[in-house]
Amino acid sequence: MTYPKCHKFSSFTRFILAPTFCYQLKYPTNDEIDWFNLAKYLSQCIFCAFLMIYLIFQHMLPIADESVVYFKNKDYFNILIQTLGIAIPGTYFWLVLFYALFHAFPNFTAEMT
């Protein structure tokens, strides 16, 4: 392939739609879908979504609701305590979100394509 003729609109759309991090002219693909891996990555995506919902509604929102009174009263010590209390579930939330966005979902879409 020579330089000007190798770039086509179809290869650009493949780069935009496919879960790749670098532009290539030919992508390594399989002829058929591995249904076990597809189900595994889909279940990881669903589990991560439910875990994030659980962390928000069971651990983060109750602490945030309790801290509204401290913000109204400008009680800075209790605001600090509430912030430290929400730090651990918030950290777990971001870790699960990172895993879902950068591992489970890209592998699921890669297995589909």
PDB file of N, CA and C in Angstrom:
ATOM      1  N   MET A   1       0.832  -1.180   0.000  1.00  0.00           N
ATOM      2  CA  MET A   1       0.000   0.000   0.000  1.00  0.00           C
ATOM      3  C   MET A   1       0.883   1.252   0.000  1.00  0.00           C
ATOM      4  N   THR A   2       0.563   2.139  -0.863  1.00  0.00           N
ATOM      5  CA  THR A   2       1.285   3.398  -0.904  1.00  0.00           C
ATOM      6  C   THR A   2       0.534   4.444  -0.089  1.00  0.00           C
ATOM      7  N   TYR A   3       1.240   5.481   0.283  1.00  0.00           N
ATOM      8  CA  TYR A   3       0.708   6.430   1.264  1.00  0.00           C
ATOM      9  C   TYR A   3      -0.601   7.112   0.873  1.00  0.00           C
ATOM     10  N   PRO A   4      -0.705   7.804  -0.207  1.00  0.00           N
ATOM     11  CA  PRO A   4      -1.972   8.534  -0.379  1.00  0.00           C
ATOM     12  C   PRO A   4      -3.169   7.627  -0.634  1.00  0.00           C
ATOM     13  N   LYS A   5      -2.948   6.482  -1.241  1.00  0.00           N
ATOM     14  CA  LYS A   5      -4.068   5.617  -1.605  1.00  0.00           C
ATOM     15  C   LYS A   5      -4.514   4.695  -0.469  1.00  0.00           C
ATOM     16  N   CYS A   6      -3.728   4.587   0.576  1.00  0.00           N
ATOM     17  CA  CYS A   6      -4.069   3.661   1.644  1.00  0.00           C
ATOM     18  C   CYS A   6      -5.117   4.230   2.597  1.00  0.00           C
ATOM     19  N   HIS A   7      -5.277   5.524   2.675  1.00  0.00           N
ATOM     20  CA  HIS A   7      -6.250   6.127   3.582  1.00  0.00           C
ATOM     21  C   HIS A   7      -7.592   6.278   2.882  1.00  0.00           C
ATOM     22  N   LYS A   8      -8.578   5.637   3.463  1.00  0.00           N
ATOM     23  CA  LYS A   8      -9.928   5.703   2.915  1.00  0.00           C
ATOM     24  C   LYS A   8     -10.886   6.087   4.032  1.00  0.00           C
ATOM     25  N   PHE A   9     -12.058   6.522   3.648  1.00  0.00           N
ATOM     26  CA  PHE A   9     -13.053   6.904   4.638  1.00  0.00           C
ATOM     27  C   PHE A   9     -13.519   5.700   5.446  1.00  0.00           C
ATOM     28  N   SER A  10     -13.551   4.528   4.831  1.00  0.00           N
ATOM     29  CA  SER A  10     -13.981   3.328   5.563  1.00  0.00           C
ATOM     30  C   SER A  10     -12.985   2.956   6.658  1.00  0.00           C
ATOM     31  N   SER A  11     -11.696   3.140   6.432  1.00  0.00           N
ATOM     32  CA  SER A  11     -10.724   2.852   7.483  1.00  0.00           C
ATOM     33  C   SER A  11     -10.804   3.884   8.607  1.00  0.00           C
ATOM     34  N   PHE A  12     -11.155   5.122   8.271  1.00  0.00           N
ATOM     35  CA  PHE A  12     -11.327   6.131   9.300  1.00  0.00           C
ATOM     36  C   PHE A  12     -12.557   5.839  10.158  1.00  0.00           C
ATOM     37  N   THR A  13     -13.664   5.435   9.543  1.00  0.00           N
ATOM     38  CA  THR A  13     -14.860   5.099  10.323  1.00  0.00           C
ATOM     39  C   THR A  13     -14.622   3.862  11.172  1.00  0.00           C
ATOM     40  N   ARG A  14     -13.846   2.916  10.685  1.00  0.00           N
ATOM     41  CA  ARG A  14     -13.494   1.747  11.491  1.00  0.00           C
ATOM     42  C   ARG A  14     -12.695   2.172  12.727  1.00  0.00           C
ATOM     43  N   PHE A  15     -11.794   3.126  12.544  1.00  0.00           N
ATOM     44  CA  PHE A  15     -11.013   3.633  13.669  1.00  0.00           C
ATOM     45  C   PHE A  15     -11.904   4.350  14.682  1.00  0.00           C
ATOM     46  N   ILE A  16     -12.902   5.086  14.222  1.00  0.00           N
ATOM     47  CA  ILE A  16     -13.785   5.820  15.123  1.00  0.00           C
ATOM     48  C   ILE A  16     -14.717   4.862  15.862  1.00  0.00           C
ATOM     49  N   LEU A  17     -15.237   3.858  15.196  1.00  0.00           N
ATOM     50  CA  LEU A  17     -16.238   2.980  15.794  1.00  0.00           C
ATOM     51  C   LEU A  17     -15.647   1.811  16.572  1.00  0.00           C
ATOM     52  N   ALA A  18     -14.490   1.341  16.184  1.00  0.00           N
ATOM     53  CA  ALA A  18     -13.894   0.176  16.842  1.00  0.00           C
ATOM     54  C   ALA A  18     -13.140   0.618  18.092  1.00  0.00           C
ATOM     55  N   PRO A  19     -13.080  -0.245  19.094  1.00  0.00           N
ATOM     56  CA  PRO A  19     -12.382   0.129  20.333  1.00  0.00           C
ATOM     57  C   PRO A  19     -10.872  -0.024  20.206  1.00  0.00           C
ATOM     58  N   THR A  20     -10.254   0.881  19.480  1.00  0.00           N
ATOM     59  CA  THR A  20      -8.802   0.848  19.324  1.00  0.00           C
ATOM     60  C   THR A  20      -8.213   2.140  19.857  1.00  0.00           C
ATOM     61  N   PHE A  21      -6.961   2.091  20.229  1.00  0.00           N
ATOM     62  CA  PHE A  21      -6.305   3.274  20.759  1.00  0.00           C
ATOM     63  C   PHE A  21      -5.304   3.862  19.781  1.00  0.00           C
ATOM     64  N   CYS A  22      -5.062   3.188  18.665  1.00  0.00           N
ATOM     65  CA  CYS A  22      -4.165   3.729  17.658  1.00  0.00           C
ATOM     66  C   CYS A  22      -4.717   3.392  16.278  1.00  0.00           C
ATOM     67  N   TYR A  23      -4.433   4.239  15.322  1.00  0.00           N
ATOM     68  CA  TYR A  23      -4.933   4.070  13.965  1.00  0.00           C
ATOM     69  C   TYR A  23      -4.074   3.049  13.233  1.00  0.00           C
ATOM     70  N   GLN A  24      -4.738   2.086  12.617  1.00  0.00           N
ATOM     71  CA  GLN A  24      -4.054   1.086  11.803  1.00  0.00           C
ATOM     72  C   GLN A  24      -4.829   0.924  10.510  1.00  0.00           C
ATOM     73  N   LEU A  25      -4.125   0.451   9.491  1.00  0.00           N
ATOM     74  CA  LEU A  25      -4.820   0.194   8.233  1.00  0.00           C
ATOM     75  C   LEU A  25      -5.519  -1.158   8.246  1.00  0.00           C
ATOM     76  N   LYS A  26      -4.933  -2.128   8.915  1.00  0.00           N
ATOM     77  CA  LYS A  26      -5.552  -3.446   9.050  1.00  0.00           C
ATOM     78  C   LYS A  26      -5.555  -3.814  10.520  1.00  0.00           C
ATOM     79  N   TYR A  27      -6.712  -4.261  10.998  1.00  0.00           N
ATOM     80  CA  TYR A  27      -6.859  -4.624  12.401  1.00  0.00           C
ATOM     81  C   TYR A  27      -6.868  -6.137  12.538  1.00  0.00           C
ATOM     82  N   PRO A  28      -6.240  -6.658  13.572  1.00  0.00           N
ATOM     83  CA  PRO A  28      -6.302  -8.110  13.787  1.00  0.00           C
ATOM     84  C   PRO A  28      -7.678  -8.496  14.318  1.00  0.00           C
ATOM     85  N   THR A  29      -8.402  -9.269  13.548  1.00  0.00           N
ATOM     86  CA  THR A  29      -9.747  -9.676  13.943  1.00  0.00           C
ATOM     87  C   THR A  29      -9.878 -11.189  13.839  1.00  0.00           C
ATOM     88  N   ASN A  30     -10.852 -11.702  14.559  1.00  0.00           N
ATOM     89  CA  ASN A  30     -11.189 -13.124  14.476  1.00  0.00           C
ATOM     90  C   ASN A  30     -12.351 -13.311  13.521  1.00  0.00           C
ATOM     91  N   ASP A  31     -12.467 -14.512  12.993  1.00  0.00           N
ATOM     92  CA  ASP A  31     -13.550 -14.786  12.057  1.00  0.00           C
ATOM     93  C   ASP A  31     -14.889 -14.970  12.755  1.00  0.00           C
ATOM     94  N   GLU A  32     -14.861 -15.420  14.000  1.00  0.00           N
ATOM     95  CA  GLU A  32     -16.119 -15.665  14.708  1.00  0.00           C
ATOM     96  C   GLU A  32     -16.028 -15.104  16.122  1.00  0.00           C
ATOM     97  N   ILE A  33     -17.197 -14.924  16.725  1.00  0.00           N
ATOM     98  CA  ILE A  33     -17.283 -14.356  18.071  1.00  0.00           C
ATOM     99  C   ILE A  33     -17.108 -15.461  19.099  1.00  0.00           C
ATOM    100  N   ASP A  34     -16.291 -15.192  20.099  1.00  0.00           N
ATOM    101  CA  ASP A  34     -16.151 -16.107  21.227  1.00  0.00           C
ATOM    102  C   ASP A  34     -17.248 -15.764  22.236  1.00  0.00           C
ATOM    103  N   TRP A  35     -18.303 -16.561  22.244  1.00  0.00           N
ATOM    104  CA  TRP A  35     -19.490 -16.233  23.034  1.00  0.00           C
ATOM    105  C   TRP A  35     -19.218 -16.297  24.538  1.00  0.00           C
ATOM    106  N   PHE A  36     -18.288 -17.139  24.970  1.00  0.00           N
ATOM    107  CA  PHE A  36     -17.964 -17.206  26.389  1.00  0.00           C
ATOM    108  C   PHE A  36     -17.323 -15.907  26.859  1.00  0.00           C
ATOM    109  N   ASN A  37     -16.358 -15.400  26.091  1.00  0.00           N
ATOM    110  CA  ASN A  37     -15.726 -14.127  26.458  1.00  0.00           C
ATOM    111  C   ASN A  37     -16.714 -12.976  26.368  1.00  0.00           C
ATOM    112  N   LEU A  38     -17.595 -13.008  25.382  1.00  0.00           N
ATOM    113  CA  LEU A  38     -18.603 -11.966  25.255  1.00  0.00           C
ATOM    114  C   LEU A  38     -19.506 -11.944  26.483  1.00  0.00           C
ATOM    115  N   ALA A  39     -19.955 -13.110  26.933  1.00  0.00           N
ATOM    116  CA  ALA A  39     -20.797 -13.189  28.128  1.00  0.00           C
ATOM    117  C   ALA A  39     -20.019 -12.784  29.375  1.00  0.00           C
ATOM    118  N   LYS A  40     -18.739 -13.147  29.429  1.00  0.00           N
ATOM    119  CA  LYS A  40     -17.916 -12.777  30.581  1.00  0.00           C
ATOM    120  C   LYS A  40     -17.764 -11.265  30.690  1.00  0.00           C
ATOM    121  N   TYR A  41     -17.454 -10.595  29.586  1.00  0.00           N
ATOM    122  CA  TYR A  41     -17.271  -9.150  29.618  1.00  0.00           C
ATOM    123  C   TYR A  41     -18.597  -8.421  29.839  1.00  0.00           C
ATOM    124  N   LEU A  42     -19.684  -8.956  29.298  1.00  0.00           N
ATOM    125  CA  LEU A  42     -20.987  -8.357  29.548  1.00  0.00           C
ATOM    126  C   LEU A  42     -21.366  -8.486  31.012  1.00  0.00           C
ATOM    127  N   SER A  43     -21.099  -9.635  31.607  1.00  0.00           N
ATOM    128  CA  SER A  43     -21.407  -9.801  33.029  1.00  0.00           C
ATOM    129  C   SER A  43     -20.526  -8.898  33.888  1.00  0.00           C
ATOM    130  N   GLN A  44     -19.289  -8.663  33.483  1.00  0.00           N
ATOM    131  CA  GLN A  44     -18.437  -7.727  34.211  1.00  0.00           C
ATOM    132  C   GLN A  44     -18.986  -6.302  34.129  1.00  0.00           C
ATOM    133  N   CYS A  45     -19.476  -5.908  32.962  1.00  0.00           N
ATOM    134  CA  CYS A  45     -20.067  -4.577  32.807  1.00  0.00           C
ATOM    135  C   CYS A  45     -21.300  -4.428  33.690  1.00  0.00           C
ATOM    136  N   ILE A  46     -22.155  -5.434  33.688  1.00  0.00           N
ATOM    137  CA  ILE A  46     -23.378  -5.380  34.491  1.00  0.00           C
ATOM    138  C   ILE A  46     -23.038  -5.380  35.975  1.00  0.00           C
ATOM    139  N   PHE A  47     -22.093  -6.212  36.395  1.00  0.00           N
ATOM    140  CA  PHE A  47     -21.692  -6.250  37.799  1.00  0.00           C
ATOM    141  C   PHE A  47     -21.111  -4.919  38.245  1.00  0.00           C
ATOM    142  N   CYS A  48     -20.277  -4.309  37.402  1.00  0.00           N
ATOM    143  CA  CYS A  48     -19.702  -3.007  37.747  1.00  0.00           C
ATOM    144  C   CYS A  48     -20.786  -1.939  37.859  1.00  0.00           C
ATOM    145  N   ALA A  49     -21.774  -1.982  36.971  1.00  0.00           N
ATOM    146  CA  ALA A  49     -22.862  -1.000  37.039  1.00  0.00           C
ATOM    147  C   ALA A  49     -23.645  -1.156  38.336  1.00  0.00           C
ATOM    148  N   PHE A  50     -23.988  -2.399  38.715  1.00  0.00           N
ATOM    149  CA  PHE A  50     -24.725  -2.616  39.953  1.00  0.00           C
ATOM    150  C   PHE A  50     -23.887  -2.263  41.180  1.00  0.00           C
ATOM    151  N   LEU A  51     -22.600  -2.535  41.135  1.00  0.00           N
ATOM    152  CA  LEU A  51     -21.736  -2.184  42.255  1.00  0.00           C
ATOM    153  C   LEU A  51     -21.625  -0.670  42.419  1.00  0.00           C
ATOM    154  N   MET A  52     -21.554   0.051  41.314  1.00  0.00           N
ATOM    155  CA  MET A  52     -21.511   1.509  41.409  1.00  0.00           C
ATOM    156  C   MET A  52     -22.823   2.065  41.945  1.00  0.00           C
ATOM    157  N   ILE A  53     -23.945   1.508  41.498  1.00  0.00           N
ATOM    158  CA  ILE A  53     -25.245   1.945  42.014  1.00  0.00           C
ATOM    159  C   ILE A  53     -25.348   1.650  43.500  1.00  0.00           C
ATOM    160  N   TYR A  54     -24.889   0.477  43.918  1.00  0.00           N
ATOM    161  CA  TYR A  54     -24.903   0.117  45.332  1.00  0.00           C
ATOM    162  C   TYR A  54     -24.062   1.088  46.155  1.00  0.00           C
ATOM    163  N   LEU A  55     -22.866   1.404  45.678  1.00  0.00           N
ATOM    164  CA  LEU A  55     -22.000   2.313  46.414  1.00  0.00           C
ATOM    165  C   LEU A  55     -22.612   3.701  46.548  1.00  0.00           C
ATOM    166  N   ILE A  56     -23.249   4.157  45.496  1.00  0.00           N
ATOM    167  CA  ILE A  56     -23.850   5.492  45.546  1.00  0.00           C
ATOM    168  C   ILE A  56     -25.018   5.526  46.519  1.00  0.00           C
ATOM    169  N   PHE A  57     -25.969   4.614  46.344  1.00  0.00           N
ATOM    170  CA  PHE A  57     -27.211   4.711  47.109  1.00  0.00           C
ATOM    171  C   PHE A  57     -27.098   4.193  48.538  1.00  0.00           C
ATOM    172  N   GLN A  58     -26.200   3.269  48.824  1.00  0.00           N
ATOM    173  CA  GLN A  58     -26.111   2.716  50.170  1.00  0.00           C
ATOM    174  C   GLN A  58     -25.007   3.345  51.023  1.00  0.00           C
ATOM    175  N   HIS A  59     -24.003   3.912  50.394  1.00  0.00           N
ATOM    176  CA  HIS A  59     -22.877   4.416  51.167  1.00  0.00           C
ATOM    177  C   HIS A  59     -22.627   5.912  50.990  1.00  0.00           C
ATOM    178  N   MET A  60     -22.788   6.435  49.793  1.00  0.00           N
ATOM    179  CA  MET A  60     -22.416   7.821  49.558  1.00  0.00           C
ATOM    180  C   MET A  60     -23.572   8.794  49.807  1.00  0.00           C
ATOM    181  N   LEU A  61     -24.759   8.488  49.332  1.00  0.00           N
ATOM    182  CA  LEU A  61     -25.885   9.400  49.514  1.00  0.00           C
ATOM    183  C   LEU A  61     -26.310   9.583  50.970  1.00  0.00           C
ATOM    184  N   PRO A  62     -26.328   8.530  51.805  1.00  0.00           N
ATOM    185  CA  PRO A  62     -26.678   8.783  53.209  1.00  0.00           C
ATOM    186  C   PRO A  62     -25.703   9.729  53.913  1.00  0.00           C
ATOM    187  N   ILE A  63     -24.429   9.599  53.614  1.00  0.00           N
ATOM    188  CA  ILE A  63     -23.444  10.515  54.211  1.00  0.00           C
ATOM    189  C   ILE A  63     -23.647  11.931  53.685  1.00  0.00           C
ATOM    190  N   ALA A  64     -23.942  12.046  52.392  1.00  0.00           N
ATOM    191  CA  ALA A  64     -24.174  13.374  51.813  1.00  0.00           C
ATOM    192  C   ALA A  64     -25.436  14.005  52.395  1.00  0.00           C
ATOM    193  N   ASP A  65     -26.482  13.207  52.626  1.00  0.00           N
ATOM    194  CA  ASP A  65     -27.704  13.743  53.227  1.00  0.00           C
ATOM    195  C   ASP A  65     -27.471  14.211  54.658  1.00  0.00           C
ATOM    196  N   GLU A  66     -26.656  13.483  55.402  1.00  0.00           N
ATOM    197  CA  GLU A  66     -26.352  13.886  56.776  1.00  0.00           C
ATOM    198  C   GLU A  66     -25.526  15.180  56.821  1.00  0.00           C
ATOM    199  N   SER A  67     -24.701  15.388  55.833  1.00  0.00           N
ATOM    200  CA  SER A  67     -23.785  16.527  55.879  1.00  0.00           C
ATOM    201  C   SER A  67     -24.433  17.840  55.465  1.00  0.00           C
ATOM    202  N   VAL A  68     -25.661  17.815  54.960  1.00  0.00           N
ATOM    203  CA  VAL A  68     -26.327  19.056  54.561  1.00  0.00           C
ATOM    204  C   VAL A  68     -26.510  19.970  55.768  1.00  0.00           C
ATOM    205  N   VAL A  69     -26.849  19.385  56.910  1.00  0.00           N
ATOM    206  CA  VAL A  69     -27.038  20.173  58.134  1.00  0.00           C
ATOM    207  C   VAL A  69     -25.727  20.853  58.531  1.00  0.00           C
ATOM    208  N   TYR A  70     -24.623  20.160  58.397  1.00  0.00           N
ATOM    209  CA  TYR A  70     -23.330  20.729  58.770  1.00  0.00           C
ATOM    210  C   TYR A  70     -22.927  21.870  57.839  1.00  0.00           C
ATOM    211  N   PHE A  71     -23.305  21.755  56.564  1.00  0.00           N
ATOM    212  CA  PHE A  71     -23.014  22.842  55.637  1.00  0.00           C
ATOM    213  C   PHE A  71     -23.859  24.073  55.955  1.00  0.00           C
ATOM    214  N   LYS A  72     -25.116  23.861  56.355  1.00  0.00           N
ATOM    215  CA  LYS A  72     -25.973  24.998  56.705  1.00  0.00           C
ATOM    216  C   LYS A  72     -25.484  25.699  57.969  1.00  0.00           C
ATOM    217  N   ASN A  73     -24.996  24.907  58.939  1.00  0.00           N
ATOM    218  CA  ASN A  73     -24.508  25.473  60.192  1.00  0.00           C
ATOM    219  C   ASN A  73     -23.047  25.915  60.127  1.00  0.00           C
ATOM    220  N   LYS A  74     -22.385  25.652  59.023  1.00  0.00           N
ATOM    221  CA  LYS A  74     -20.962  25.977  58.825  1.00  0.00           C
ATOM    222  C   LYS A  74     -20.095  25.342  59.913  1.00  0.00           C
ATOM    223  N   ASP A  75     -20.399  24.064  60.176  1.00  0.00           N
ATOM    224  CA  ASP A  75     -19.636  23.276  61.156  1.00  0.00           C
ATOM    225  C   ASP A  75     -18.513  22.568  60.400  1.00  0.00           C
ATOM    226  N   TYR A  76     -17.357  23.197  60.327  1.00  0.00           N
ATOM    227  CA  TYR A  76     -16.283  22.722  59.453  1.00  0.00           C
ATOM    228  C   TYR A  76     -15.647  21.434  59.945  1.00  0.00           C
ATOM    229  N   PHE A  77     -15.624  21.207  61.227  1.00  0.00           N
ATOM    230  CA  PHE A  77     -15.046  19.954  61.728  1.00  0.00           C
ATOM    231  C   PHE A  77     -15.886  18.757  61.294  1.00  0.00           C
ATOM    232  N   ASN A  78     -17.205  18.843  61.426  1.00  0.00           N
ATOM    233  CA  ASN A  78     -18.067  17.733  61.000  1.00  0.00           C
ATOM    234  C   ASN A  78     -18.114  17.594  59.475  1.00  0.00           C
ATOM    235  N   ILE A  79     -17.940  18.693  58.766  1.00  0.00           N
ATOM    236  CA  ILE A  79     -17.827  18.605  57.303  1.00  0.00           C
ATOM    237  C   ILE A  79     -16.591  17.794  56.935  1.00  0.00           C
ATOM    238  N   LEU A  80     -15.486  18.027  57.644  1.00  0.00           N
ATOM    239  CA  LEU A  80     -14.271  17.251  57.408  1.00  0.00           C
ATOM    240  C   LEU A  80     -14.477  15.781  57.733  1.00  0.00           C
ATOM    241  N   ILE A  81     -15.159  15.490  58.831  1.00  0.00           N
ATOM    242  CA  ILE A  81     -15.422  14.101  59.206  1.00  0.00           C
ATOM    243  C   ILE A  81     -16.303  13.415  58.161  1.00  0.00           C
ATOM    244  N   GLN A  82     -17.326  14.106  57.678  1.00  0.00           N
ATOM    245  CA  GLN A  82     -18.200  13.535  56.654  1.00  0.00           C
ATOM    246  C   GLN A  82     -17.444  13.333  55.338  1.00  0.00           C
ATOM    247  N   THR A  83     -16.546  14.243  55.024  1.00  0.00           N
ATOM    248  CA  THR A  83     -15.741  14.087  53.811  1.00  0.00           C
ATOM    249  C   THR A  83     -14.830  12.872  53.911  1.00  0.00           C
ATOM    250  N   LEU A  84     -14.243  12.671  55.073  1.00  0.00           N
ATOM    251  CA  LEU A  84     -13.410  11.482  55.265  1.00  0.00           C
ATOM    252  C   LEU A  84     -14.256  10.206  55.235  1.00  0.00           C
ATOM    253  N   GLY A  85     -15.499  10.301  55.712  1.00  0.00           N
ATOM    254  CA  GLY A  85     -16.379   9.134  55.673  1.00  0.00           C
ATOM    255  C   GLY A  85     -16.813   8.753  54.271  1.00  0.00           C
ATOM    256  N   ILE A  86     -16.901   9.723  53.383  1.00  0.00           N
ATOM    257  CA  ILE A  86     -17.317   9.435  52.007  1.00  0.00           C
ATOM    258  C   ILE A  86     -16.113   9.108  51.112  1.00  0.00           C
ATOM    259  N   ALA A  87     -14.904   9.258  51.633  1.00  0.00           N
ATOM    260  CA  ALA A  87     -13.700   9.053  50.820  1.00  0.00           C
ATOM    261  C   ALA A  87     -13.511   7.594  50.419  1.00  0.00           C
ATOM    262  N   ILE A  88     -13.751   6.660  51.334  1.00  0.00           N
ATOM    263  CA  ILE A  88     -13.531   5.245  51.010  1.00  0.00           C
ATOM    264  C   ILE A  88     -14.537   4.734  49.980  1.00  0.00           C
ATOM    265  N   PRO A  89     -15.850   4.946  50.150  1.00  0.00           N
ATOM    266  CA  PRO A  89     -16.763   4.516  49.091  1.00  0.00           C
ATOM    267  C   PRO A  89     -16.525   5.253  47.778  1.00  0.00           C
ATOM    268  N   GLY A  90     -16.115   6.524  47.865  1.00  0.00           N
ATOM    269  CA  GLY A  90     -15.814   7.261  46.641  1.00  0.00           C
ATOM    270  C   GLY A  90     -14.617   6.688  45.902  1.00  0.00           C
ATOM    271  N   THR A  91     -13.622   6.255  46.651  1.00  0.00           N
ATOM    272  CA  THR A  91     -12.455   5.632  46.035  1.00  0.00           C
ATOM    273  C   THR A  91     -12.817   4.314  45.373  1.00  0.00           C
ATOM    274  N   TYR A  92     -13.626   3.509  46.062  1.00  0.00           N
ATOM    275  CA  TYR A  92     -14.078   2.252  45.457  1.00  0.00           C
ATOM    276  C   TYR A  92     -14.917   2.508  44.212  1.00  0.00           C
ATOM    277  N   PHE A  93     -15.739   3.554  44.254  1.00  0.00           N
ATOM    278  CA  PHE A  93     -16.548   3.905  43.088  1.00  0.00           C
ATOM    279  C   PHE A  93     -15.668   4.239  41.894  1.00  0.00           C
ATOM    280  N   TRP A  94     -14.646   5.057  42.096  1.00  0.00           N
ATOM    281  CA  TRP A  94     -13.766   5.438  40.990  1.00  0.00           C
ATOM    282  C   TRP A  94     -12.954   4.252  40.473  1.00  0.00           C
ATOM    283  N   LEU A  95     -12.549   3.353  41.365  1.00  0.00           N
ATOM    284  CA  LEU A  95     -11.826   2.159  40.908  1.00  0.00           C
ATOM    285  C   LEU A  95     -12.705   1.262  40.053  1.00  0.00           C
ATOM    286  N   VAL A  96     -13.941   1.065  40.477  1.00  0.00           N
ATOM    287  CA  VAL A  96     -14.871   0.235  39.703  1.00  0.00           C
ATOM    288  C   VAL A  96     -15.198   0.907  38.378  1.00  0.00           C
ATOM    289  N   LEU A  97     -15.384   2.229  38.402  1.00  0.00           N
ATOM    290  CA  LEU A  97     -15.647   2.959  37.166  1.00  0.00           C
ATOM    291  C   LEU A  97     -14.473   2.857  36.198  1.00  0.00           C
ATOM    292  N   PHE A  98     -13.259   2.982  36.713  1.00  0.00           N
ATOM    293  CA  PHE A  98     -12.070   2.847  35.873  1.00  0.00           C
ATOM    294  C   PHE A  98     -11.993   1.450  35.248  1.00  0.00           C
ATOM    295  N   TYR A  99     -12.260   0.412  36.054  1.00  0.00           N
ATOM    296  CA  TYR A  99     -12.231  -0.951  35.539  1.00  0.00           C
ATOM    297  C   TYR A  99     -13.296  -1.146  34.466  1.00  0.00           C
ATOM    298  N   ALA A 100     -14.481  -0.612  34.697  1.00  0.00           N
ATOM    299  CA  ALA A 100     -15.567  -0.797  33.737  1.00  0.00           C
ATOM    300  C   ALA A 100     -15.288  -0.059  32.434  1.00  0.00           C
ATOM    301  N   LEU A 101     -14.805   1.185  32.532  1.00  0.00           N
ATOM    302  CA  LEU A 101     -14.603   1.985  31.324  1.00  0.00           C
ATOM    303  C   LEU A 101     -13.377   1.606  30.519  1.00  0.00           C
ATOM    304  N   PHE A 102     -12.340   1.125  31.182  1.00  0.00           N
ATOM    305  CA  PHE A 102     -11.100   0.872  30.464  1.00  0.00           C
ATOM    306  C   PHE A 102     -10.740  -0.603  30.323  1.00  0.00           C
ATOM    307  N   HIS A 103     -11.552  -1.495  30.882  1.00  0.00           N
ATOM    308  CA  HIS A 103     -11.279  -2.922  30.706  1.00  0.00           C
ATOM    309  C   HIS A 103     -12.515  -3.676  30.222  1.00  0.00           C
ATOM    310  N   ALA A 104     -13.573  -3.660  30.997  1.00  0.00           N
ATOM    311  CA  ALA A 104     -14.724  -4.506  30.697  1.00  0.00           C
ATOM    312  C   ALA A 104     -15.448  -4.057  29.428  1.00  0.00           C
ATOM    313  N   PHE A 105     -15.800  -2.780  29.338  1.00  0.00           N
ATOM    314  CA  PHE A 105     -16.543  -2.316  28.170  1.00  0.00           C
ATOM    315  C   PHE A 105     -15.727  -2.345  26.874  1.00  0.00           C
ATOM    316  N   PRO A 106     -14.464  -1.890  26.840  1.00  0.00           N
ATOM    317  CA  PRO A 106     -13.710  -2.019  25.591  1.00  0.00           C
ATOM    318  C   PRO A 106     -13.501  -3.473  25.157  1.00  0.00           C
ATOM    319  N   ASN A 107     -13.284  -4.379  26.103  1.00  0.00           N
ATOM    320  CA  ASN A 107     -13.136  -5.777  25.713  1.00  0.00           C
ATOM    321  C   ASN A 107     -14.459  -6.363  25.215  1.00  0.00           C
ATOM    322  N   PHE A 108     -15.560  -5.934  25.789  1.00  0.00           N
ATOM    323  CA  PHE A 108     -16.876  -6.387  25.305  1.00  0.00           C
ATOM    324  C   PHE A 108     -17.110  -5.920  23.883  1.00  0.00           C
ATOM    325  N   THR A 109     -16.863  -4.634  23.604  1.00  0.00           N
ATOM    326  CA  THR A 109     -17.071  -4.130  22.243  1.00  0.00           C
ATOM    327  C   THR A 109     -16.059  -4.709  21.259  1.00  0.00           C
ATOM    328  N   ALA A 110     -14.850  -4.969  21.734  1.00  0.00           N
ATOM    329  CA  ALA A 110     -13.848  -5.582  20.850  1.00  0.00           C
ATOM    330  C   ALA A 110     -14.248  -7.006  20.497  1.00  0.00           C
ATOM    331  N   GLU A 111     -14.816  -7.712  21.450  1.00  0.00           N
ATOM    332  CA  GLU A 111     -15.242  -9.083  21.165  1.00  0.00           C
ATOM    333  C   GLU A 111     -16.440  -9.085  20.209  1.00  0.00           C
ATOM    334  N   MET A 112     -17.280  -8.077  20.296  1.00  0.00           N
ATOM    335  CA  MET A 112     -18.421  -8.002  19.378  1.00  0.00           C
ATOM    336  C   MET A 112     -17.983  -7.686  17.953  1.00  0.00           C
ATOM    337  N   THR A 113     -16.952  -6.853  17.816  1.00  0.00           N
ATOM    338  CA  THR A 113     -16.532  -6.484  16.465  1.00  0.00           C
ATOM    339  C   THR A 113     -15.549  -7.486  15.930  1.00  0.00           C
TER     340      THR A 113
END
